[in-house]
Amino acid sequence: SGGATVTPTSGIVTERFPLAQSAALVGLLFL
């Protein structure tokens, strides 16, 4: 369960937000 959450979480970001912001937005989630 622990190794499974990152891909769908980051996938929701990359499919709904501009790609150029993806690293910073995923970074916000990791914050």
PDB file of all heavy atoms in Angstrom:
ATOM      1  N   SER A   1       0.825  -1.213   0.000  1.00  0.00           N
ATOM      2  CA  SER A   1       0.000   0.000   0.000  1.00  0.00           C
ATOM      3  C   SER A   1       0.857   1.261   0.000  1.00  0.00           C
ATOM      4  O   SER A   1       0.502   2.271  -0.604  1.00  0.00           O
ATOM      5  CB  SER A   1      -0.932   0.010   1.213  1.00  0.00           C
ATOM      6  OG  SER A   1      -0.196  -0.030   2.424  1.00  0.00           O
ATOM      7  N   GLY A   2       2.030   1.195   0.665  1.00  0.00           N
ATOM      8  CA  GLY A   2       2.875   2.379   0.760  1.00  0.00           C
ATOM      9  C   GLY A   2       3.513   2.772  -0.558  1.00  0.00           C
ATOM     10  O   GLY A   2       3.666   3.954  -0.860  1.00  0.00           O
ATOM     11  N   GLY A   3       3.889   1.780  -1.381  1.00  0.00           N
ATOM     12  CA  GLY A   3       4.530   2.096  -2.651  1.00  0.00           C
ATOM     13  C   GLY A   3       3.561   2.424  -3.763  1.00  0.00           C
ATOM     14  O   GLY A   3       3.986   2.723  -4.888  1.00  0.00           O
ATOM     15  N   ALA A   4       2.266   2.404  -3.454  1.00  0.00           N
ATOM     16  CA  ALA A   4       1.265   2.523  -4.511  1.00  0.00           C
ATOM     17  C   ALA A   4       0.679   3.913  -4.671  1.00  0.00           C
ATOM     18  O   ALA A   4       0.070   4.216  -5.703  1.00  0.00           O
ATOM     19  CB  ALA A   4       0.127   1.525  -4.234  1.00  0.00           C
ATOM     20  N   THR A   5       0.839   4.786  -3.681  1.00  0.00           N
ATOM     21  CA  THR A   5       0.076   6.041  -3.687  1.00  0.00           C
ATOM     22  C   THR A   5       0.703   7.150  -4.535  1.00  0.00           C
ATOM     23  O   THR A   5      -0.009   8.037  -5.014  1.00  0.00           O
ATOM     24  CB  THR A   5      -0.102   6.562  -2.254  1.00  0.00           C
ATOM     25  OG1 THR A   5       1.189   6.740  -1.651  1.00  0.00           O
ATOM     26  CG2 THR A   5      -0.920   5.595  -1.421  1.00  0.00           C
ATOM     27  N   VAL A   6       2.034   7.122  -4.711  1.00  0.00           N
ATOM     28  CA  VAL A   6       2.703   8.256  -5.362  1.00  0.00           C
ATOM     29  C   VAL A   6       2.283   8.407  -6.826  1.00  0.00           C
ATOM     30  O   VAL A   6       1.998   9.515  -7.290  1.00  0.00           O
ATOM     31  CB  VAL A   6       4.232   8.120  -5.252  1.00  0.00           C
ATOM     32  CG1 VAL A   6       4.931   9.221  -6.053  1.00  0.00           C
ATOM     33  CG2 VAL A   6       4.663   8.186  -3.798  1.00  0.00           C
ATOM     34  N   THR A   7       2.230   7.301  -7.573  1.00  0.00           N
ATOM     35  CA  THR A   7       1.925   7.390  -9.004  1.00  0.00           C
ATOM     36  C   THR A   7       0.531   7.945  -9.274  1.00  0.00           C
ATOM     37  O   THR A   7       0.382   8.876 -10.078  1.00  0.00           O
ATOM     38  CB  THR A   7       2.102   6.017  -9.674  1.00  0.00           C
ATOM     39  OG1 THR A   7       3.474   5.605  -9.535  1.00  0.00           O
ATOM     40  CG2 THR A   7       1.767   6.093 -11.152  1.00  0.00           C
ATOM     41  N   PRO A   8      -0.546   7.440  -8.649  1.00  0.00           N
ATOM     42  CA  PRO A   8      -1.853   8.055  -8.903  1.00  0.00           C
ATOM     43  C   PRO A   8      -1.956   9.485  -8.382  1.00  0.00           C
ATOM     44  O   PRO A   8      -2.632  10.322  -8.988  1.00  0.00           O
ATOM     45  CB  PRO A   8      -2.845   7.123  -8.189  1.00  0.00           C
ATOM     46  CG  PRO A   8      -2.042   6.332  -7.241  1.00  0.00           C
ATOM     47  CD  PRO A   8      -0.675   6.219  -7.824  1.00  0.00           C
ATOM     48  N   THR A   9      -1.269   9.784  -7.279  1.00  0.00           N
ATOM     49  CA  THR A   9      -1.306  11.151  -6.748  1.00  0.00           C
ATOM     50  C   THR A   9      -0.643  12.122  -7.723  1.00  0.00           C
ATOM     51  O   THR A   9      -1.218  13.162  -8.075  1.00  0.00           O
ATOM     52  CB  THR A   9      -0.604  11.213  -5.376  1.00  0.00           C
ATOM     53  OG1 THR A   9      -1.292  10.373  -4.446  1.00  0.00           O
ATOM     54  CG2 THR A   9      -0.583  12.629  -4.841  1.00  0.00           C
ATOM     55  N   SER A  10       0.578  11.794  -8.162  1.00  0.00           N
ATOM     56  CA  SER A  10       1.265  12.674  -9.119  1.00  0.00           C
ATOM     57  C   SER A  10       0.547  12.671 -10.460  1.00  0.00           C
ATOM     58  O   SER A  10       0.545  13.676 -11.184  1.00  0.00           O
ATOM     59  CB  SER A  10       2.721  12.234  -9.295  1.00  0.00           C
ATOM     60  OG  SER A  10       2.803  10.910  -9.794  1.00  0.00           O
ATOM     61  N   GLY A  11      -0.091  11.541 -10.815  1.00  0.00           N
ATOM     62  CA  GLY A  11      -0.834  11.464 -12.074  1.00  0.00           C
ATOM     63  C   GLY A  11      -2.008  12.419 -12.103  1.00  0.00           C
ATOM     64  O   GLY A  11      -2.309  13.026 -13.143  1.00  0.00           O
ATOM     65  N   ILE A  12      -2.699  12.572 -10.986  1.00  0.00           N
ATOM     66  CA  ILE A  12      -3.808  13.530 -10.921  1.00  0.00           C
ATOM     67  C   ILE A  12      -3.298  14.946 -11.147  1.00  0.00           C
ATOM     68  O   ILE A  12      -3.935  15.762 -11.814  1.00  0.00           O
ATOM     69  CB  ILE A  12      -4.534  13.408  -9.560  1.00  0.00           C
ATOM     70  CG1 ILE A  12      -5.274  12.068  -9.484  1.00  0.00           C
ATOM     71  CG2 ILE A  12      -5.516  14.559  -9.354  1.00  0.00           C
ATOM     72  CD1 ILE A  12      -5.912  11.779  -8.133  1.00  0.00           C
ATOM     73  N   VAL A  13      -2.103  15.237 -10.614  1.00  0.00           N
ATOM     74  CA  VAL A  13      -1.521  16.571 -10.802  1.00  0.00           C
ATOM     75  C   VAL A  13      -1.143  16.803 -12.263  1.00  0.00           C
ATOM     76  O   VAL A  13      -1.505  17.827 -12.860  1.00  0.00           O
ATOM     77  CB  VAL A  13      -0.283  16.752  -9.898  1.00  0.00           C
ATOM     78  CG1 VAL A  13       0.443  18.061 -10.234  1.00  0.00           C
ATOM     79  CG2 VAL A  13      -0.696  16.741  -8.432  1.00  0.00           C
ATOM     80  N   THR A  14      -0.414  15.862 -12.873  1.00  0.00           N
ATOM     81  CA  THR A  14       0.079  16.078 -14.238  1.00  0.00           C
ATOM     82  C   THR A  14      -1.037  16.100 -15.273  1.00  0.00           C
ATOM     83  O   THR A  14      -0.886  16.722 -16.329  1.00  0.00           O
ATOM     84  CB  THR A  14       1.109  14.996 -14.617  1.00  0.00           C
ATOM     85  OG1 THR A  14       0.525  13.697 -14.441  1.00  0.00           O
ATOM     86  CG2 THR A  14       2.346  15.105 -13.740  1.00  0.00           C
ATOM     87  N   GLU A  15      -2.181  15.455 -14.990  1.00  0.00           N
ATOM     88  CA  GLU A  15      -3.265  15.463 -15.969  1.00  0.00           C
ATOM     89  C   GLU A  15      -4.207  16.647 -15.796  1.00  0.00           C
ATOM     90  O   GLU A  15      -4.996  16.954 -16.692  1.00  0.00           O
ATOM     91  CB  GLU A  15      -4.054  14.150 -15.899  1.00  0.00           C
ATOM     92  CG  GLU A  15      -4.921  13.976 -14.688  1.00  0.00           C
ATOM     93  CD  GLU A  15      -5.585  12.603 -14.627  1.00  0.00           C
ATOM     94  OE1 GLU A  15      -5.231  11.736 -15.454  1.00  0.00           O
ATOM     95  OE2 GLU A  15      -6.440  12.391 -13.732  1.00  0.00           O
ATOM     96  N   ARG A  16      -4.121  17.364 -14.679  1.00  0.00           N
ATOM     97  CA  ARG A  16      -5.061  18.452 -14.416  1.00  0.00           C
ATOM     98  C   ARG A  16      -4.413  19.816 -14.275  1.00  0.00           C
ATOM     99  O   ARG A  16      -5.102  20.823 -14.160  1.00  0.00           O
ATOM    100  CB  ARG A  16      -5.871  18.148 -13.146  1.00  0.00           C
ATOM    101  CG  ARG A  16      -6.613  16.814 -13.218  1.00  0.00           C
ATOM    102  CD  ARG A  16      -7.563  16.616 -12.058  1.00  0.00           C
ATOM    103  NE  ARG A  16      -8.069  15.245 -12.021  1.00  0.00           N
ATOM    104  CZ  ARG A  16      -9.170  14.866 -11.385  1.00  0.00           C
ATOM    105  NH1 ARG A  16      -9.882  15.778 -10.730  1.00  0.00           N
ATOM    106  NH2 ARG A  16      -9.555  13.608 -11.391  1.00  0.00           N
ATOM    107  N   PHE A  17      -3.059  19.866 -14.259  1.00  0.00           N
ATOM    108  CA  PHE A  17      -2.344  21.130 -14.107  1.00  0.00           C
ATOM    109  C   PHE A  17      -1.278  21.239 -15.198  1.00  0.00           C
ATOM    110  O   PHE A  17      -0.866  20.236 -15.772  1.00  0.00           O
ATOM    111  CB  PHE A  17      -1.687  21.219 -12.726  1.00  0.00           C
ATOM    112  CG  PHE A  17      -2.659  21.309 -11.584  1.00  0.00           C
ATOM    113  CD1 PHE A  17      -3.156  20.155 -10.986  1.00  0.00           C
ATOM    114  CD2 PHE A  17      -3.073  22.536 -11.097  1.00  0.00           C
ATOM    115  CE1 PHE A  17      -4.053  20.221  -9.933  1.00  0.00           C
ATOM    116  CE2 PHE A  17      -3.972  22.621 -10.042  1.00  0.00           C
ATOM    117  CZ  PHE A  17      -4.463  21.467  -9.458  1.00  0.00           C
ATOM    118  N   PRO A  18      -0.816  22.471 -15.505  1.00  0.00           N
ATOM    119  CA  PRO A  18       0.224  22.644 -16.529  1.00  0.00           C
ATOM    120  C   PRO A  18       1.488  21.861 -16.192  1.00  0.00           C
ATOM    121  O   PRO A  18       1.919  21.819 -15.033  1.00  0.00           O
ATOM    122  CB  PRO A  18       0.494  24.157 -16.508  1.00  0.00           C
ATOM    123  CG  PRO A  18      -0.758  24.757 -15.964  1.00  0.00           C
ATOM    124  CD  PRO A  18      -1.293  23.765 -14.980  1.00  0.00           C
ATOM    125  N   LEU A  19       2.080  21.247 -17.221  1.00  0.00           N
ATOM    126  CA  LEU A  19       3.250  20.403 -17.021  1.00  0.00           C
ATOM    127  C   LEU A  19       4.417  21.179 -16.428  1.00  0.00           C
ATOM    128  O   LEU A  19       5.155  20.654 -15.584  1.00  0.00           O
ATOM    129  CB  LEU A  19       3.668  19.766 -18.353  1.00  0.00           C
ATOM    130  CG  LEU A  19       4.873  18.829 -18.314  1.00  0.00           C
ATOM    131  CD1 LEU A  19       4.623  17.665 -17.368  1.00  0.00           C
ATOM    132  CD2 LEU A  19       5.193  18.319 -19.717  1.00  0.00           C
ATOM    133  N   ALA A  20       4.578  22.445 -16.833  1.00  0.00           N
ATOM    134  CA  ALA A  20       5.700  23.242 -16.336  1.00  0.00           C
ATOM    135  C   ALA A  20       5.614  23.502 -14.838  1.00  0.00           C
ATOM    136  O   ALA A  20       6.602  23.863 -14.212  1.00  0.00           O
ATOM    137  CB  ALA A  20       5.768  24.576 -17.085  1.00  0.00           C
ATOM    138  N   GLN A  21       4.430  23.324 -14.257  1.00  0.00           N
ATOM    139  CA  GLN A  21       4.261  23.515 -12.823  1.00  0.00           C
ATOM    140  C   GLN A  21       4.283  22.198 -12.049  1.00  0.00           C
ATOM    141  O   GLN A  21       4.173  22.191 -10.826  1.00  0.00           O
ATOM    142  CB  GLN A  21       2.925  24.227 -12.541  1.00  0.00           C
ATOM    143  CG  GLN A  21       2.827  25.627 -13.106  1.00  0.00           C
ATOM    144  CD  GLN A  21       1.465  26.256 -12.812  1.00  0.00           C
ATOM    145  OE1 GLN A  21       0.609  25.654 -12.184  1.00  0.00           O
ATOM    146  NE2 GLN A  21       1.272  27.474 -13.290  1.00  0.00           N
ATOM    147  N   SER A  22       4.416  21.082 -12.748  1.00  0.00           N
ATOM    148  CA  SER A  22       4.214  19.786 -12.110  1.00  0.00           C
ATOM    149  C   SER A  22       5.214  19.515 -10.994  1.00  0.00           C
ATOM    150  O   SER A  22       4.843  19.021  -9.921  1.00  0.00           O
ATOM    151  CB  SER A  22       4.263  18.658 -13.146  1.00  0.00           C
ATOM    152  OG  SER A  22       5.524  18.598 -13.775  1.00  0.00           O
ATOM    153  N   ALA A  23       6.497  19.835 -11.214  1.00  0.00           N
ATOM    154  CA  ALA A  23       7.500  19.561 -10.181  1.00  0.00           C
ATOM    155  C   ALA A  23       7.213  20.364  -8.919  1.00  0.00           C
ATOM    156  O   ALA A  23       7.301  19.844  -7.799  1.00  0.00           O
ATOM    157  CB  ALA A  23       8.901  19.871 -10.695  1.00  0.00           C
ATOM    158  N   ALA A  24       6.859  21.637  -9.089  1.00  0.00           N
ATOM    159  CA  ALA A  24       6.572  22.478  -7.926  1.00  0.00           C
ATOM    160  C   ALA A  24       5.294  22.039  -7.228  1.00  0.00           C
ATOM    161  O   ALA A  24       5.212  22.030  -5.992  1.00  0.00           O
ATOM    162  CB  ALA A  24       6.470  23.944  -8.352  1.00  0.00           C
ATOM    163  N   LEU A  25       4.262  21.649  -8.005  1.00  0.00           N
ATOM    164  CA  LEU A  25       2.996  21.234  -7.400  1.00  0.00           C
ATOM    165  C   LEU A  25       3.126  19.887  -6.692  1.00  0.00           C
ATOM    166  O   LEU A  25       2.595  19.704  -5.591  1.00  0.00           O
ATOM    167  CB  LEU A  25       1.896  21.175  -8.458  1.00  0.00           C
ATOM    168  CG  LEU A  25       1.418  22.524  -8.983  1.00  0.00           C
ATOM    169  CD1 LEU A  25       0.445  22.340 -10.145  1.00  0.00           C
ATOM    170  CD2 LEU A  25       0.764  23.332  -7.871  1.00  0.00           C
ATOM    171  N   VAL A  26       3.820  18.942  -7.320  1.00  0.00           N
ATOM    172  CA  VAL A  26       4.085  17.681  -6.634  1.00  0.00           C
ATOM    173  C   VAL A  26       4.954  17.942  -5.404  1.00  0.00           C
ATOM    174  O   VAL A  26       4.793  17.310  -4.355  1.00  0.00           O
ATOM    175  CB  VAL A  26       4.759  16.660  -7.579  1.00  0.00           C
ATOM    176  CG1 VAL A  26       5.207  15.417  -6.820  1.00  0.00           C
ATOM    177  CG2 VAL A  26       3.798  16.270  -8.700  1.00  0.00           C
ATOM    178  N   GLY A  27       5.850  18.927  -5.522  1.00  0.00           N
ATOM    179  CA  GLY A  27       6.651  19.322  -4.365  1.00  0.00           C
ATOM    180  C   GLY A  27       5.791  19.863  -3.236  1.00  0.00           C
ATOM    181  O   GLY A  27       6.055  19.609  -2.060  1.00  0.00           O
ATOM    182  N   LEU A  28       4.741  20.622  -3.579  1.00  0.00           N
ATOM    183  CA  LEU A  28       3.812  21.112  -2.560  1.00  0.00           C
ATOM    184  C   LEU A  28       3.115  19.952  -1.851  1.00  0.00           C
ATOM    185  O   LEU A  28       2.916  19.978  -0.636  1.00  0.00           O
ATOM    186  CB  LEU A  28       2.774  22.037  -3.193  1.00  0.00           C
ATOM    187  CG  LEU A  28       3.220  23.455  -3.522  1.00  0.00           C
ATOM    188  CD1 LEU A  28       2.140  24.181  -4.316  1.00  0.00           C
ATOM    189  CD2 LEU A  28       3.523  24.228  -2.242  1.00  0.00           C
ATOM    190  N   LEU A  29       2.730  18.944  -2.624  1.00  0.00           N
ATOM    191  CA  LEU A  29       2.113  17.768  -2.016  1.00  0.00           C
ATOM    192  C   LEU A  29       3.099  17.063  -1.083  1.00  0.00           C
ATOM    193  O   LEU A  29       2.733  16.620   0.012  1.00  0.00           O
ATOM    194  CB  LEU A  29       1.627  16.800  -3.093  1.00  0.00           C
ATOM    195  CG  LEU A  29       0.444  17.268  -3.941  1.00  0.00           C
ATOM    196  CD1 LEU A  29       0.116  16.239  -5.012  1.00  0.00           C
ATOM    197  CD2 LEU A  29      -0.782  17.512  -3.062  1.00  0.00           C
ATOM    198  N   PHE A  30       4.361  16.961  -1.522  1.00  0.00           N
ATOM    199  CA  PHE A  30       5.362  16.332  -0.666  1.00  0.00           C
ATOM    200  C   PHE A  30       5.678  17.199   0.551  1.00  0.00           C
ATOM    201  O   PHE A  30       6.094  16.679   1.590  1.00  0.00           O
ATOM    202  CB  PHE A  30       6.628  16.027  -1.460  1.00  0.00           C
ATOM    203  CG  PHE A  30       6.627  14.657  -2.077  1.00  0.00           C
ATOM    204  CD1 PHE A  30       6.292  14.485  -3.409  1.00  0.00           C
ATOM    205  CD2 PHE A  30       6.939  13.548  -1.324  1.00  0.00           C
ATOM    206  CE1 PHE A  30       6.270  13.223  -3.985  1.00  0.00           C
ATOM    207  CE2 PHE A  30       6.925  12.277  -1.878  1.00  0.00           C
ATOM    208  CZ  PHE A  30       6.590  12.107  -3.213  1.00  0.00           C
ATOM    209  N   LEU A  31       5.477  18.508   0.434  1.00  0.00           N
ATOM    210  CA  LEU A  31       5.619  19.373   1.601  1.00  0.00           C
ATOM    211  C   LEU A  31       4.597  18.968   2.661  1.00  0.00           C
ATOM    212  O   LEU A  31       4.930  18.793   3.840  1.00  0.00           O
ATOM    213  CB  LEU A  31       5.429  20.834   1.201  1.00  0.00           C
ATOM    214  CG  LEU A  31       5.281  21.852   2.336  1.00  0.00           C
ATOM    215  CD1 LEU A  31       6.491  21.802   3.261  1.00  0.00           C
ATOM    216  CD2 LEU A  31       5.092  23.255   1.764  1.00  0.00           C
TER     217      LEU A  31
END
